[in-house]
Amino acid sequence: MKWNNPETAPKDRVIIADTGYPWPCLAIWSEATEDWATTMLEASMYEGKPDVYFVTEYEKEIKGWRELE
C-alpha cells in the first residue's frame, strides 16, 4: 500500500491513516485538540456475547495517509 506524505493530509474529511500500528485506521483532524482523532476497534464480552466497539485515540502525527474510497 502506497502512503501519501503526512504533510499533505487533508484536515477537512475522514482519511485512512498510517499511525505506526500494523494496520491502517480511520482518522480525522480534531480542531479542538489539534491532533488526529483515530478509530481503534476493541472487543469485550457482554452477557456472554462478543461485544465490539470503536474507541477514539488521539495522535500528534501520522506517518502517511490515503483517501477513504
N, C-alpha and C. Protein backbone atom coordinates (compact mmCIF):
# COMPACT_ATOMS: atom_id res chain seq x y z
N MET A 1 0.85 -1.17 0.00
CA MET A 1 0.00 0.00 0.00
C MET A 1 0.90 1.24 0.00
N LYS A 2 0.67 2.12 -0.95
CA LYS A 2 1.44 3.36 -1.04
C LYS A 2 0.75 4.45 -0.22
N TRP A 3 1.53 5.09 0.64
CA TRP A 3 1.00 6.15 1.51
C TRP A 3 1.40 7.52 0.97
N ASN A 4 0.52 8.49 1.13
CA ASN A 4 0.82 9.88 0.78
C ASN A 4 1.60 10.52 1.92
N ASN A 5 2.32 11.57 1.59
CA ASN A 5 3.11 12.32 2.56
C ASN A 5 2.20 12.88 3.65
N PRO A 6 2.54 12.69 4.93
CA PRO A 6 1.65 13.14 6.01
C PRO A 6 1.41 14.66 6.03
N GLU A 7 2.36 15.44 5.51
CA GLU A 7 2.15 16.89 5.49
C GLU A 7 1.03 17.30 4.54
N THR A 8 0.67 16.42 3.60
CA THR A 8 -0.39 16.77 2.64
C THR A 8 -1.75 16.23 3.07
N ALA A 9 -1.85 15.65 4.25
CA ALA A 9 -3.12 15.05 4.70
C ALA A 9 -4.20 16.11 4.83
N PRO A 10 -5.36 15.89 4.21
CA PRO A 10 -6.45 16.86 4.33
C PRO A 10 -7.05 16.84 5.73
N LYS A 11 -7.35 18.01 6.23
CA LYS A 11 -7.88 18.13 7.59
C LYS A 11 -9.37 18.45 7.59
N ASP A 12 -10.02 18.24 6.44
CA ASP A 12 -11.44 18.56 6.33
C ASP A 12 -12.32 17.35 6.07
N ARG A 13 -11.74 16.13 6.19
CA ARG A 13 -12.53 14.93 5.94
C ARG A 13 -11.86 13.71 6.55
N VAL A 14 -12.60 12.62 6.61
CA VAL A 14 -12.08 11.36 7.14
C VAL A 14 -11.11 10.76 6.12
N ILE A 15 -9.99 10.25 6.63
CA ILE A 15 -8.99 9.60 5.78
C ILE A 15 -8.60 8.25 6.39
N ILE A 16 -7.85 7.47 5.64
CA ILE A 16 -7.22 6.27 6.17
C ILE A 16 -5.80 6.66 6.54
N ALA A 17 -5.39 6.37 7.75
CA ALA A 17 -4.08 6.83 8.23
C ALA A 17 -3.18 5.68 8.66
N ASP A 18 -1.90 5.89 8.45
CA ASP A 18 -0.86 5.02 9.00
C ASP A 18 -0.36 5.73 10.26
N THR A 19 -0.64 5.13 11.41
CA THR A 19 -0.23 5.72 12.69
C THR A 19 0.94 4.98 13.31
N GLY A 20 1.44 3.96 12.60
CA GLY A 20 2.54 3.17 13.13
C GLY A 20 2.12 1.80 13.62
N TYR A 21 0.80 1.59 13.75
CA TYR A 21 0.31 0.26 14.10
C TYR A 21 0.46 -0.65 12.88
N PRO A 22 0.37 -1.96 13.06
CA PRO A 22 0.46 -2.87 11.91
C PRO A 22 -0.74 -2.78 10.96
N TRP A 23 -1.76 -2.00 11.31
CA TRP A 23 -2.96 -1.88 10.49
C TRP A 23 -3.29 -0.40 10.31
N PRO A 24 -3.93 -0.05 9.19
CA PRO A 24 -4.38 1.32 9.00
C PRO A 24 -5.66 1.57 9.79
N CYS A 25 -5.99 2.83 10.00
CA CYS A 25 -7.22 3.16 10.73
C CYS A 25 -7.84 4.42 10.14
N LEU A 26 -9.11 4.65 10.47
CA LEU A 26 -9.77 5.89 10.07
C LEU A 26 -9.27 7.02 10.95
N ALA A 27 -9.16 8.20 10.37
CA ALA A 27 -8.69 9.36 11.13
C ALA A 27 -9.34 10.63 10.58
N ILE A 28 -9.48 11.61 11.46
CA ILE A 28 -9.94 12.94 11.07
C ILE A 28 -9.26 13.95 12.00
N TRP A 29 -8.96 15.11 11.48
CA TRP A 29 -8.29 16.15 12.26
C TRP A 29 -9.25 16.75 13.27
N SER A 30 -8.82 16.87 14.49
CA SER A 30 -9.62 17.49 15.55
C SER A 30 -9.10 18.91 15.78
N GLU A 31 -9.91 19.89 15.41
CA GLU A 31 -9.54 21.30 15.65
C GLU A 31 -9.44 21.58 17.15
N ALA A 32 -10.29 20.94 17.93
CA ALA A 32 -10.33 21.18 19.38
C ALA A 32 -9.03 20.78 20.06
N THR A 33 -8.48 19.64 19.69
CA THR A 33 -7.26 19.15 20.36
C THR A 33 -6.00 19.34 19.52
N GLU A 34 -6.19 19.73 18.24
CA GLU A 34 -5.09 19.85 17.29
C GLU A 34 -4.29 18.55 17.20
N ASP A 35 -5.03 17.45 17.14
CA ASP A 35 -4.49 16.10 16.99
C ASP A 35 -5.33 15.37 15.94
N TRP A 36 -4.81 14.23 15.51
CA TRP A 36 -5.58 13.33 14.67
C TRP A 36 -6.42 12.44 15.56
N ALA A 37 -7.72 12.47 15.41
CA ALA A 37 -8.63 11.56 16.12
C ALA A 37 -8.71 10.29 15.28
N THR A 38 -8.38 9.15 15.87
CA THR A 38 -8.36 7.89 15.13
C THR A 38 -9.31 6.89 15.78
N THR A 39 -9.72 5.91 14.99
CA THR A 39 -10.60 4.86 15.49
C THR A 39 -9.79 3.62 15.82
N MET A 40 -10.06 3.05 16.96
CA MET A 40 -9.45 1.77 17.35
C MET A 40 -10.58 0.81 17.66
N LEU A 41 -10.55 -0.34 17.03
CA LEU A 41 -11.57 -1.35 17.27
C LEU A 41 -11.20 -2.15 18.51
N GLU A 42 -12.12 -2.26 19.44
CA GLU A 42 -11.88 -3.03 20.66
C GLU A 42 -13.01 -4.03 20.82
N ALA A 43 -12.79 -5.01 21.66
CA ALA A 43 -13.80 -6.04 21.89
C ALA A 43 -13.78 -6.48 23.34
N SER A 44 -14.94 -6.87 23.82
CA SER A 44 -15.08 -7.42 25.16
C SER A 44 -16.26 -8.39 25.12
N MET A 45 -16.65 -8.85 26.27
CA MET A 45 -17.82 -9.73 26.36
C MET A 45 -18.92 -8.99 27.09
N TYR A 46 -20.15 -9.16 26.63
CA TYR A 46 -21.32 -8.57 27.29
C TYR A 46 -22.38 -9.66 27.38
N GLU A 47 -22.71 -10.02 28.59
CA GLU A 47 -23.69 -11.08 28.85
C GLU A 47 -23.35 -12.35 28.06
N GLY A 48 -22.07 -12.68 28.05
CA GLY A 48 -21.61 -13.90 27.40
C GLY A 48 -21.49 -13.84 25.89
N LYS A 49 -21.68 -12.65 25.32
CA LYS A 49 -21.59 -12.49 23.87
C LYS A 49 -20.48 -11.51 23.53
N PRO A 50 -19.78 -11.73 22.39
CA PRO A 50 -18.76 -10.77 21.97
C PRO A 50 -19.38 -9.39 21.70
N ASP A 51 -18.74 -8.37 22.18
CA ASP A 51 -19.21 -7.00 22.01
C ASP A 51 -18.07 -6.19 21.42
N VAL A 52 -18.19 -5.76 20.16
CA VAL A 52 -17.15 -4.97 19.52
C VAL A 52 -17.59 -3.52 19.44
N TYR A 53 -16.61 -2.61 19.54
CA TYR A 53 -16.93 -1.19 19.53
C TYR A 53 -15.68 -0.40 19.16
N PHE A 54 -15.88 0.87 18.79
CA PHE A 54 -14.78 1.75 18.45
C PHE A 54 -14.44 2.67 19.63
N VAL A 55 -13.17 2.94 19.79
CA VAL A 55 -12.67 3.87 20.80
C VAL A 55 -11.86 4.93 20.07
N THR A 56 -12.02 6.18 20.46
CA THR A 56 -11.24 7.26 19.86
C THR A 56 -9.89 7.38 20.55
N GLU A 57 -8.85 7.39 19.74
CA GLU A 57 -7.49 7.66 20.22
C GLU A 57 -7.04 8.94 19.54
N TYR A 58 -6.03 9.59 20.09
CA TYR A 58 -5.51 10.83 19.50
C TYR A 58 -4.03 10.67 19.21
N GLU A 59 -3.63 11.13 18.03
CA GLU A 59 -2.23 11.04 17.58
C GLU A 59 -1.76 12.44 17.20
N LYS A 60 -0.57 12.81 17.65
CA LYS A 60 0.00 14.11 17.25
C LYS A 60 0.38 14.11 15.78
N GLU A 61 0.87 12.98 15.31
CA GLU A 61 1.34 12.87 13.93
C GLU A 61 0.86 11.56 13.31
N ILE A 62 0.76 11.56 11.99
CA ILE A 62 0.54 10.33 11.27
C ILE A 62 1.74 10.11 10.36
N LYS A 63 1.97 8.87 9.97
CA LYS A 63 3.12 8.54 9.13
C LYS A 63 2.79 8.62 7.65
N GLY A 64 1.52 8.52 7.32
CA GLY A 64 1.06 8.60 5.94
C GLY A 64 -0.45 8.55 5.91
N TRP A 65 -1.01 8.75 4.73
CA TRP A 65 -2.45 8.76 4.62
C TRP A 65 -2.88 8.34 3.21
N ARG A 66 -4.15 7.94 3.10
CA ARG A 66 -4.79 7.60 1.83
C ARG A 66 -6.22 8.10 1.87
N GLU A 67 -6.79 8.31 0.70
CA GLU A 67 -8.20 8.70 0.62
C GLU A 67 -9.08 7.54 1.06
N LEU A 68 -10.18 7.84 1.67
CA LEU A 68 -11.19 6.86 2.02
C LEU A 68 -12.06 6.69 0.78
N GLU A 69 -11.99 5.53 0.17
CA GLU A 69 -12.71 5.31 -1.10
C GLU A 69 -13.95 4.51 -0.90
